[in-house]
C-alpha atoms as a PDB file:
ATOM      1  CA  ARG A   1      -6.987  45.162 -22.288  1.00  0.00           C
ATOM      2  CA  GLY A   2      -5.166  45.226 -25.549  1.00  0.00           C
ATOM      3  CA  GLU A   3      -6.648  49.043 -26.447  1.00  0.00           C
ATOM      4  CA  THR A   4      -4.976  50.110 -23.255  1.00  0.00           C
ATOM      5  CA  LEU A   5      -1.636  48.458 -23.321  1.00  0.00           C
ATOM      6  CA  TYR A   6      -1.694  49.741 -26.634  1.00  0.00           C
ATOM      7  CA  ALA A   7      -2.293  53.297 -25.158  1.00  0.00           C
ATOM      8  CA  ALA A   8       0.218  52.980 -22.744  1.00  0.00           C
ATOM      9  CA  MET A   9       3.388  52.242 -24.991  1.00  0.00           C
ATOM     10  CA  GLU A  10       4.483  55.662 -25.678  1.00  0.00           C
ATOM     11  CA  THR A  11       8.070  54.994 -27.079  1.00  0.00           C
ATOM     12  CA  ARG A  12       7.125  52.111 -29.482  1.00  0.00           C
ATOM     13  CA  THR A  13       8.069  51.144 -32.967  1.00  0.00           C
ATOM     14  CA  GLN A  14       4.824  50.193 -35.103  1.00  0.00           C
ATOM     15  CA  THR A  15       4.946  47.615 -37.621  1.00  0.00           C
ATOM     16  CA  PRO A  16       2.568  45.378 -39.446  1.00  0.00           C
ATOM     17  CA  GLY A  17       3.275  42.242 -38.086  1.00  0.00           C
ATOM     18  CA  GLY A  18       2.146  38.740 -38.073  1.00  0.00           C
ATOM     19  CA  ALA A  19       3.990  35.692 -38.390  1.00  0.00           C
ATOM     20  CA  VAL A  20       3.375  35.023 -41.977  1.00  0.00           C
ATOM     21  CA  ALA A  21       2.954  38.299 -43.339  1.00  0.00           C
ATOM     22  CA  ASN A  22       6.582  39.108 -41.619  1.00  0.00           C
ATOM     23  CA  THR A  23       7.843  36.188 -43.991  1.00  0.00           C
ATOM     24  CA  ILE A  24       6.251  37.111 -46.633  1.00  0.00           C
ATOM     25  CA  ALA A  25       7.778  41.108 -46.134  1.00  0.00           C
ATOM     26  CA  GLY A  26      11.088  39.011 -46.202  1.00  0.00           C
ATOM     27  CA  ILE A  27      10.415  36.911 -48.961  1.00  0.00           C
ATOM     28  CA  GLY A  28       9.560  40.363 -51.076  1.00  0.00           C
ATOM     29  CA  ALA A  29      12.612  42.230 -50.078  1.00  0.00           C
ATOM     30  CA  LEU A  30      14.521  39.217 -51.430  1.00  0.00           C
ATOM     31  CA  GLY A  31      12.364  40.137 -54.541  1.00  0.00           C
ATOM     32  CA  LEU A  32       9.662  37.638 -55.246  1.00  0.00           C
ATOM     33  CA  LYS A  33       6.517  38.620 -55.791  1.00  0.00           C
ATOM     34  CA  THR A  34       4.037  38.383 -52.938  1.00  0.00           C
ATOM     35  CA  GLY A  35       0.467  38.667 -51.727  1.00  0.00           C
ATOM     36  CA  PHE A  36      -1.233  38.480 -48.185  1.00  0.00           C
ATOM     37  CA  VAL A  37      -4.489  36.852 -47.480  1.00  0.00           C
ATOM     38  CA  GLY A  38      -5.526  38.312 -44.061  1.00  0.00           C
ATOM     39  CA  LYS A  39      -8.646  40.061 -42.546  1.00  0.00           C
ATOM     40  CA  VAL A  40      -7.930  44.009 -40.819  1.00  0.00           C
ATOM     41  CA  ARG A  41     -11.250  45.889 -39.667  1.00  0.00           C
ATOM     42  CA  ASN A  42     -11.321  49.551 -41.347  1.00  0.00           C
ATOM     43  CA  ASP A  43      -9.705  51.368 -38.443  1.00  0.00           C
ATOM     44  CA  ALA A  44      -6.813  53.417 -37.772  1.00  0.00           C
ATOM     45  CA  LEU A  45      -4.661  50.104 -37.130  1.00  0.00           C
ATOM     46  CA  GLY A  46      -6.151  48.373 -39.965  1.00  0.00           C
ATOM     47  CA  GLN A  47      -5.667  51.006 -42.570  1.00  0.00           C
ATOM     48  CA  PHE A  48      -2.008  51.386 -41.468  1.00  0.00           C
ATOM     49  CA  TYR A  49      -1.356  47.539 -41.738  1.00  0.00           C
ATOM     50  CA  ALA A  50      -3.350  47.784 -45.064  1.00  0.00           C
ATOM     51  CA  LYS A  51      -0.866  50.677 -46.587  1.00  0.00           C
ATOM     52  CA  SER A  52       2.101  49.643 -44.996  1.00  0.00           C
ATOM     53  CA  MET A  53       2.042  46.121 -46.791  1.00  0.00           C
ATOM     54  CA  ASN A  54       1.200  47.659 -50.083  1.00  0.00           C
ATOM     55  CA  ASP A  55       3.829  50.398 -50.125  1.00  0.00           C
ATOM     56  CA  THR A  56       6.759  47.906 -49.122  1.00  0.00           C
ATOM     57  CA  GLY A  57       4.919  45.879 -52.499  1.00  0.00           C
ATOM     58  CA  ILE A  58       3.047  43.141 -50.896  1.00  0.00           C
ATOM     59  CA  GLU A  59      -0.433  42.628 -52.223  1.00  0.00           C
ATOM     60  CA  PHE A  60      -2.939  42.959 -49.664  1.00  0.00           C
ATOM     61  CA  LEU A  61      -5.857  40.952 -51.351  1.00  0.00           C
ATOM     62  CA  ASN A  62      -8.465  41.702 -48.804  1.00  0.00           C
ATOM     63  CA  PRO A  63      -9.301  45.504 -48.048  1.00  0.00           C
ATOM     64  CA  PRO A  64      -9.900  46.503 -44.318  1.00  0.00           C
ATOM     65  CA  MET A  65     -13.296  45.378 -43.339  1.00  0.00           C
ATOM     66  CA  ASP A  66     -16.407  47.683 -42.462  1.00  0.00           C
ATOM     67  CA  GLY A  67     -19.128  46.757 -40.489  1.00  0.00           C
ATOM     68  CA  SER A  68     -17.776  44.847 -37.991  1.00  0.00           C
ATOM     69  CA  ASP A  69     -17.694  45.786 -34.411  1.00  0.00           C
ATOM     70  CA  VAL A  70     -14.130  43.726 -33.476  1.00  0.00           C
ATOM     71  CA  PRO A  71     -10.611  45.662 -33.341  1.00  0.00           C
ATOM     72  CA  THR A  72      -7.833  44.785 -35.919  1.00  0.00           C
ATOM     73  CA  SER A  73      -5.401  42.657 -34.295  1.00  0.00           C
ATOM     74  CA  ARG A  74      -2.659  43.468 -32.277  1.00  0.00           C
ATOM     75  CA  SER A  75       0.480  42.389 -30.292  1.00  0.00           C
ATOM     76  CA  MET A  76       2.449  44.365 -27.970  1.00  0.00           C
ATOM     77  CA  ILE A  77       6.230  43.015 -27.672  1.00  0.00           C
ATOM     78  CA  PHE A  78       8.064  44.142 -24.759  1.00  0.00           C
ATOM     79  CA  VAL A  79      11.629  43.536 -25.224  1.00  0.00           C
ATOM     80  CA  THR A  80      14.656  42.920 -22.509  1.00  0.00           C
ATOM     81  CA  PRO A  81      18.253  44.002 -22.890  1.00  0.00           C
ATOM     82  CA  ASP A  82      18.972  40.446 -23.630  1.00  0.00           C
ATOM     83  CA  GLY A  83      16.967  40.534 -26.445  1.00  0.00           C
ATOM     84  CA  GLU A  84      13.987  38.525 -25.467  1.00  0.00           C
ATOM     85  CA  ARG A  85      10.526  39.479 -25.408  1.00  0.00           C
ATOM     86  CA  SER A  86       7.228  39.348 -23.676  1.00  0.00           C
ATOM     87  CA  MET A  87       4.283  39.461 -26.300  1.00  0.00           C
ATOM     88  CA  ASN A  88       0.683  40.289 -25.132  1.00  0.00           C
ATOM     89  CA  THR A  89      -1.416  39.688 -28.399  1.00  0.00           C
ATOM     90  CA  TYR A  90      -5.364  40.244 -29.300  1.00  0.00           C
ATOM     91  CA  LEU A  91      -5.881  38.080 -32.219  1.00  0.00           C
ATOM     92  CA  GLY A  92      -9.009  40.721 -33.267  1.00  0.00           C
ATOM     93  CA  ILE A  93     -10.265  40.372 -36.422  1.00  0.00           C
ATOM     94  CA  SER A  94      -7.954  38.210 -37.799  1.00  0.00           C
ATOM     95  CA  ALA A  95      -8.942  35.109 -36.127  1.00  0.00           C
ATOM     96  CA  GLU A  96     -12.373  35.770 -37.852  1.00  0.00           C
ATOM     97  CA  LEU A  97     -10.811  34.837 -41.208  1.00  0.00           C
ATOM     98  CA  GLY A  98     -13.166  32.294 -42.919  1.00  0.00           C
ATOM     99  CA  SER A  99     -13.287  30.383 -46.149  1.00  0.00           C
ATOM    100  CA  GLU A 100     -15.698  33.421 -47.562  1.00  0.00           C
ATOM    101  CA  ASP A 101     -12.424  35.696 -47.368  1.00  0.00           C
ATOM    102  CA  VAL A 102     -10.174  33.104 -49.015  1.00  0.00           C
ATOM    103  CA  GLN A 103     -10.948  33.188 -53.295  1.00  0.00           C
ATOM    104  CA  ASP A 104     -10.084  30.510 -55.357  1.00  0.00           C
ATOM    105  CA  GLU A 105      -7.990  32.873 -57.483  1.00  0.00           C
ATOM    106  CA  PHE A 106      -5.965  33.163 -54.437  1.00  0.00           C
ATOM    107  CA  GLY A 107      -4.402  30.121 -54.523  1.00  0.00           C
ATOM    108  CA  SER A 108      -4.757  28.961 -57.964  1.00  0.00           C
ATOM    109  CA  ALA A 109      -2.634  31.916 -59.201  1.00  0.00           C
ATOM    110  CA  ALA A 110       0.282  31.482 -56.748  1.00  0.00           C
ATOM    111  CA  LYS A 111       3.212  29.338 -57.178  1.00  0.00           C
ATOM    112  CA  ASN A 112       3.364  28.824 -52.975  1.00  0.00           C
ATOM    113  CA  VAL A 113       0.877  29.217 -50.340  1.00  0.00           C
ATOM    114  CA  PHE A 114       2.216  29.593 -46.562  1.00  0.00           C
ATOM    115  CA  LEU A 115      -0.283  28.757 -43.670  1.00  0.00           C
ATOM    116  CA  GLU A 116      -0.059  30.559 -40.273  1.00  0.00           C
ATOM    117  CA  GLY A 117      -0.930  27.997 -37.600  1.00  0.00           C
ATOM    118  CA  TYR A 118      -2.180  30.496 -34.930  1.00  0.00           C
ATOM    119  CA  LEU A 119      -5.390  31.076 -37.112  1.00  0.00           C
ATOM    120  CA  PHE A 120      -6.051  27.108 -36.558  1.00  0.00           C
ATOM    121  CA  ASP A 121      -7.974  27.245 -33.321  1.00  0.00           C
ATOM    122  CA  LYS A 122     -11.460  28.199 -34.896  1.00  0.00           C
ATOM    123  CA  ASP A 123     -13.280  25.753 -37.512  1.00  0.00           C
ATOM    124  CA  LYS A 124     -13.671  28.918 -39.665  1.00  0.00           C
ATOM    125  CA  GLY A 125     -10.028  29.290 -40.080  1.00  0.00           C
ATOM    126  CA  LYS A 126     -10.039  25.692 -40.646  1.00  0.00           C
ATOM    127  CA  GLU A 127     -11.733  25.550 -43.536  1.00  0.00           C
ATOM    128  CA  ALA A 128     -10.121  28.842 -45.097  1.00  0.00           C
ATOM    129  CA  PHE A 129      -6.420  26.939 -45.114  1.00  0.00           C
ATOM    130  CA  LYS A 130      -8.018  24.280 -46.693  1.00  0.00           C
ATOM    131  CA  ARG A 131      -9.658  26.094 -49.366  1.00  0.00           C
ATOM    132  CA  LEU A 132      -6.391  28.157 -50.017  1.00  0.00           C
ATOM    133  CA  SER A 133      -4.754  25.151 -50.114  1.00  0.00           C
ATOM    134  CA  ARG A 134      -6.482  22.845 -52.062  1.00  0.00           C
ATOM    135  CA  SER A 135      -6.628  25.926 -54.451  1.00  0.00           C
ATOM    136  CA  CYS A 136      -2.958  26.592 -55.080  1.00  0.00           C
ATOM    137  CA  ARG A 137      -2.002  23.041 -55.265  1.00  0.00           C
ATOM    138  CA  ALA A 138      -4.894  22.100 -57.955  1.00  0.00           C
ATOM    139  CA  GLY A 139      -2.772  25.183 -59.611  1.00  0.00           C
ATOM    140  CA  GLY A 140       0.317  23.671 -59.805  1.00  0.00           C
ATOM    141  CA  GLY A 141       1.484  25.475 -56.973  1.00  0.00           C
ATOM    142  CA  GLN A 142       2.652  23.699 -53.681  1.00  0.00           C
ATOM    143  CA  ALA A 143       1.144  24.582 -49.713  1.00  0.00           C
ATOM    144  CA  GLY A 144       2.850  24.797 -46.493  1.00  0.00           C
ATOM    145  CA  ILE A 145       2.429  25.810 -42.780  1.00  0.00           C
ATOM    146  CA  ALA A 146       4.215  27.302 -40.019  1.00  0.00           C
ATOM    147  CA  ILE A 147       2.724  25.330 -37.002  1.00  0.00           C
ATOM    148  CA  SER A 148       3.316  28.606 -35.108  1.00  0.00           C
ATOM    149  CA  ASP A 149       2.026  27.456 -31.548  1.00  0.00           C
ATOM    150  CA  PRO A 150       2.218  24.344 -29.487  1.00  0.00           C
ATOM    151  CA  PHE A 151      -0.563  24.971 -27.234  1.00  0.00           C
ATOM    152  CA  CYS A 152      -2.478  25.003 -30.427  1.00  0.00           C
ATOM    153  CA  VAL A 153      -1.385  21.711 -31.189  1.00  0.00           C
ATOM    154  CA  GLU A 154      -2.522  20.277 -28.394  1.00  0.00           C
ATOM    155  CA  ARG A 155      -5.894  21.763 -29.021  1.00  0.00           C
ATOM    156  CA  HIS A 156      -6.143  20.884 -32.307  1.00  0.00           C
ATOM    157  CA  ARG A 157      -3.738  17.463 -32.537  1.00  0.00           C
ATOM    158  CA  ASP A 158      -5.801  15.443 -34.771  1.00  0.00           C
ATOM    159  CA  ASP A 159      -6.722  18.274 -37.023  1.00  0.00           C
ATOM    160  CA  PHE A 160      -3.356  19.340 -37.467  1.00  0.00           C
ATOM    161  CA  PHE A 161      -2.360  15.634 -38.385  1.00  0.00           C
ATOM    162  CA  ASP A 162      -5.078  15.564 -40.922  1.00  0.00           C
ATOM    163  CA  LEU A 163      -4.153  18.974 -42.787  1.00  0.00           C
ATOM    164  CA  ILE A 164      -0.563  18.089 -43.309  1.00  0.00           C
ATOM    165  CA  THR A 165      -1.052  13.917 -44.208  1.00  0.00           C
ATOM    166  CA  ASN A 166      -3.959  15.594 -47.003  1.00  0.00           C
ATOM    167  CA  GLU A 167      -3.271  18.837 -48.048  1.00  0.00           C
ATOM    168  CA  LEU A 168       0.212  20.068 -47.349  1.00  0.00           C
ATOM    169  CA  ASP A 169       3.424  19.811 -49.057  1.00  0.00           C
ATOM    170  CA  TYR A 170       6.095  20.564 -46.295  1.00  0.00           C
ATOM    171  CA  VAL A 171       5.974  21.875 -42.190  1.00  0.00           C
ATOM    172  CA  ILE A 172       8.269  24.288 -40.701  1.00  0.00           C
ATOM    173  CA  GLY A 173       8.018  24.294 -36.789  1.00  0.00           C
ATOM    174  CA  ASN A 174      10.882  24.659 -33.646  1.00  0.00           C
ATOM    175  CA  GLU A 175      11.349  22.021 -31.673  1.00  0.00           C
ATOM    176  CA  ALA A 176       8.455  22.742 -29.147  1.00  0.00           C
ATOM    177  CA  GLU A 177       5.957  22.662 -32.272  1.00  0.00           C
ATOM    178  CA  VAL A 178       7.326  19.753 -33.772  1.00  0.00           C
ATOM    179  CA  GLN A 179       7.504  17.631 -30.243  1.00  0.00           C
ATOM    180  CA  SER A 180       3.993  18.936 -29.418  1.00  0.00           C
ATOM    181  CA  LEU A 181       2.794  16.821 -32.417  1.00  0.00           C
ATOM    182  CA  TYR A 182       3.994  13.651 -31.372  1.00  0.00           C
ATOM    183  CA  GLN A 183       3.809  14.291 -27.679  1.00  0.00           C
ATOM    184  CA  THR A 184       7.538  13.893 -26.866  1.00  0.00           C
ATOM    185  CA  GLU A 185      10.576  15.450 -25.971  1.00  0.00           C
ATOM    186  CA  ASP A 186      12.883  13.585 -28.565  1.00  0.00           C
ATOM    187  CA  THR A 187      13.095  16.073 -31.439  1.00  0.00           C
ATOM    188  CA  ASP A 188      14.776  13.849 -33.646  1.00  0.00           C
ATOM    189  CA  ALA A 189      12.299  11.396 -33.221  1.00  0.00           C
ATOM    190  CA  ALA A 190       9.248  13.445 -33.797  1.00  0.00           C
ATOM    191  CA  LEU A 191      10.725  14.793 -37.072  1.00  0.00           C
ATOM    192  CA  ALA A 192      11.472  11.335 -38.151  1.00  0.00           C
ATOM    193  CA  GLN A 193       7.673  10.566 -37.883  1.00  0.00           C
ATOM    194  CA  LEU A 194       6.692  13.782 -39.282  1.00  0.00           C
ATOM    195  CA  SER A 195       8.792  13.511 -42.436  1.00  0.00           C
ATOM    196  CA  GLU A 196       6.710   9.797 -42.963  1.00  0.00           C
ATOM    197  CA  ILE A 197       3.665  11.879 -43.697  1.00  0.00           C
ATOM    198  CA  CYS A 198       5.211  15.119 -45.434  1.00  0.00           C
ATOM    199  CA  PRO A 199       7.572  15.148 -48.092  1.00  0.00           C
ATOM    200  CA  LEU A 200       9.553  18.459 -46.507  1.00  0.00           C
ATOM    201  CA  VAL A 201       9.956  19.262 -42.991  1.00  0.00           C
ATOM    202  CA  VAL A 202      12.065  21.855 -41.502  1.00  0.00           C
ATOM    203  CA  CYS A 203      12.533  22.437 -37.430  1.00  0.00           C
ATOM    204  CA  THR A 204      14.605  25.413 -36.353  1.00  0.00           C
ATOM    205  CA  ARG A 205      16.613  24.799 -32.817  1.00  0.00           C
ATOM    206  CA  SER A 206      17.269  28.492 -31.996  1.00  0.00           C
ATOM    207  CA  GLY A 207      21.169  28.588 -31.331  1.00  0.00           C
ATOM    208  CA  ASP A 208      21.613  24.517 -32.494  1.00  0.00           C
ATOM    209  CA  GLY A 209      20.652  25.563 -36.119  1.00  0.00           C
ATOM    210  CA  VAL A 210      18.126  23.739 -38.138  1.00  0.00           C
ATOM    211  CA  SER A 211      17.345  20.184 -39.221  1.00  0.00           C
ATOM    212  CA  ALA A 212      15.539  19.303 -42.489  1.00  0.00           C
ATOM    213  CA  ILE A 213      14.429  15.989 -44.244  1.00  0.00           C
ATOM    214  CA  GLN A 214      13.147  16.656 -47.545  1.00  0.00           C
ATOM    215  CA  ASN A 215      11.966  12.797 -49.164  1.00  0.00           C
ATOM    216  CA  GLY A 216      14.077  11.243 -46.734  1.00  0.00           C
ATOM    217  CA  HIS A 217      17.378  12.973 -47.072  1.00  0.00           C
ATOM    218  CA  ARG A 218      18.182  15.025 -44.087  1.00  0.00           C
ATOM    219  CA  VAL A 219      20.381  17.916 -43.917  1.00  0.00           C
ATOM    220  CA  ASP A 220      21.668  19.865 -40.390  1.00  0.00           C
ATOM    221  CA  VAL A 221      22.747  23.359 -40.495  1.00  0.00           C
ATOM    222  CA  SER A 222      24.610  24.916 -37.832  1.00  0.00           C
ATOM    223  CA  VAL A 223      24.271  28.867 -37.068  1.00  0.00           C
ATOM    224  CA  GLU A 224      26.421  31.573 -36.269  1.00  0.00           C
ATOM    225  CA  THR A 225      26.258  32.216 -32.293  1.00  0.00           C
ATOM    226  CA  ILE A 226      24.710  36.001 -32.142  1.00  0.00           C
ATOM    227  CA  VAL A 227      23.585  37.983 -28.874  1.00  0.00           C
ATOM    228  CA  PRO A 228      20.462  39.127 -30.367  1.00  0.00           C
ATOM    229  CA  VAL A 229      19.137  42.387 -29.857  1.00  0.00           C
ATOM    230  CA  ASP A 230      15.340  41.462 -30.364  1.00  0.00           C
ATOM    231  CA  ALA A 231      14.659  37.870 -31.353  1.00  0.00           C
ATOM    232  CA  THR A 232      11.179  38.593 -32.446  1.00  0.00           C
ATOM    233  CA  GLY A 233      10.838  37.491 -36.044  1.00  0.00           C
ATOM    234  CA  ALA A 234      13.739  35.321 -36.112  1.00  0.00           C
ATOM    235  CA  GLY A 235      11.402  31.828 -36.924  1.00  0.00           C
ATOM    236  CA  ASP A 236       9.296  34.219 -39.195  1.00  0.00           C
ATOM    237  CA  GLN A 237      12.706  35.347 -41.553  1.00  0.00           C
ATOM    238  CA  PHE A 238      13.988  32.144 -41.587  1.00  0.00           C
ATOM    239  CA  ALA A 239      10.932  31.069 -43.201  1.00  0.00           C
ATOM    240  CA  ALA A 240      11.615  33.946 -45.606  1.00  0.00           C
ATOM    241  CA  GLY A 241      15.345  32.830 -46.339  1.00  0.00           C
ATOM    242  CA  PHE A 242      14.429  29.014 -46.507  1.00  0.00           C
ATOM    243  CA  LEU A 243      11.347  29.150 -48.480  1.00  0.00           C
ATOM    244  CA  TYR A 244      13.375  31.729 -51.107  1.00  0.00           C
ATOM    245  CA  GLY A 245      15.762  29.270 -51.393  1.00  0.00           C
ATOM    246  CA  ILE A 246      13.285  26.123 -52.195  1.00  0.00           C
ATOM    247  CA  LEU A 247      10.973  28.754 -54.810  1.00  0.00           C
ATOM    248  CA  THR A 248      14.241  29.518 -56.493  1.00  0.00           C
ATOM    249  CA  ASP A 249      14.943  25.831 -56.991  1.00  0.00           C
ATOM    250  CA  ARG A 250      18.162  25.639 -54.250  1.00  0.00           C
ATOM    251  CA  ASP A 251      19.210  22.545 -53.121  1.00  0.00           C
ATOM    252  CA  LEU A 252      17.781  21.967 -49.279  1.00  0.00           C
ATOM    253  CA  GLU A 253      21.237  22.529 -47.288  1.00  0.00           C
ATOM    254  CA  THR A 254      21.296  26.040 -49.438  1.00  0.00           C
ATOM    255  CA  ALA A 255      17.459  26.677 -48.366  1.00  0.00           C
ATOM    256  CA  CYS A 256      18.297  26.226 -44.972  1.00  0.00           C
ATOM    257  CA  ARG A 257      21.297  28.317 -44.984  1.00  0.00           C
ATOM    258  CA  MET A 258      19.444  31.357 -46.617  1.00  0.00           C
ATOM    259  CA  GLY A 259      16.858  30.645 -43.602  1.00  0.00           C
ATOM    260  CA  CYS A 260      19.531  30.847 -41.135  1.00  0.00           C
ATOM    261  CA  ILE A 261      21.295  34.057 -42.380  1.00  0.00           C
ATOM    262  CA  SER A 262      17.826  35.788 -42.767  1.00  0.00           C
ATOM    263  CA  ALA A 263      16.901  35.037 -39.126  1.00  0.00           C
ATOM    264  CA  GLY A 264      20.290  35.586 -38.134  1.00  0.00           C
ATOM    265  CA  GLU A 265      19.763  39.507 -40.302  1.00  0.00           C
ATOM    266  CA  VAL A 266      16.665  40.128 -38.190  1.00  0.00           C
ATOM    267  CA  ILE A 267      17.734  39.661 -34.293  1.00  0.00           C
ATOM    268  CA  ARG A 268      20.551  42.075 -34.721  1.00  0.00           C
ATOM    269  CA  HIS A 269      17.932  45.116 -34.698  1.00  0.00           C
ATOM    270  CA  VAL A 270      14.383  45.992 -33.243  1.00  0.00           C
ATOM    271  CA  GLY A 271      11.727  44.957 -35.193  1.00  0.00           C
ATOM    272  CA  PRO A 272      10.387  41.503 -37.172  1.00  0.00           C
ATOM    273  CA  ARG A 273      11.437  42.713 -40.771  1.00  0.00           C
ATOM    274  CA  PRO A 274      15.017  42.936 -42.074  1.00  0.00           C
ATOM    275  CA  GLU A 275      16.575  45.911 -42.280  1.00  0.00           C
ATOM    276  CA  ALA A 276      19.841  45.300 -44.141  1.00  0.00           C
ATOM    277  CA  ASN A 277      19.742  43.579 -47.860  1.00  0.00           C
ATOM    278  CA  VAL A 278      19.484  40.325 -47.067  1.00  0.00           C
ATOM    279  CA  PHE A 279      20.102  39.306 -50.648  1.00  0.00           C
ATOM    280  CA  ASP A 280      23.520  40.927 -50.602  1.00  0.00           C
ATOM    281  CA  ILE A 281      24.521  38.723 -47.502  1.00  0.00           C
ATOM    282  CA  PHE A 282      23.381  35.705 -49.598  1.00  0.00           C
ATOM    283  CA  LYS A 283      26.000  37.184 -52.324  1.00  0.00           C
ATOM    284  CA  ALA A 284      28.638  37.484 -49.882  1.00  0.00           C
ATOM    285  CA  GLU A 285      28.354  33.804 -48.685  1.00  0.00           C
ATOM    286  CA  GLY A 286      28.312  32.699 -52.254  1.00  0.00           C
ATOM    287  CA  LEU A 287      24.957  31.562 -52.201  1.00  0.00           C
ATOM    288  CA  VAL A 288      23.416  33.359 -55.031  1.00  0.00           C
END
């Protein structure tokens, strides 16, 4: 089905994607050195993906893989005139990422590791997450996760709690994802509980801004109201701006504002990665 849909999309914008990959691209565009751990097949899409990442300055740490019948992952996204999107995603070979694909030196060389919740469905993905997180933290870095999918949380709630409690320094999620962890519709209550097991927790609230708690200190940041051209990548670029702020030692409120600005830029155009110079926007807002 994925191959059929892909072939039928005659007028399309093709870009390397994936939630955390989009975040890393945003962080790299802001000037930080980045690398990506993922899995693609040595097919046309896999070669395009690896080359595109390397061409934009992101070190693609695992070369395209030979010897597999499973194609490179893809997500076909159809955008309606109101900027909303319908995603048809085939996880493909990326869902086969395991601890054997994660070298300890990947984590130990990193100041920060950001994991993608979409890959938490398989045991091998869980083991890869633990290996990368542990190697990063052992080297003095920090590790965190984008929850990514409330349905994945529902399938693996206990394992998510184990990972967050024992292996991570921060968690980023939207309201549905944070609520799903605690099986409640009360976002503030869920966020407060999450902050008791993790030092830094962040919840994006779409047009209502963002709430974050770090070591008991809470901030709430509002956002500019924007009619989106394409909402794809909004959460990914929020994470990019936010993590840039954290990695450059900004305070929590400033990091949240950077995240909101980054998300605001990406929803103004088609595609999940920044087109404007977001650093210049930070300058104009007096954040750098």
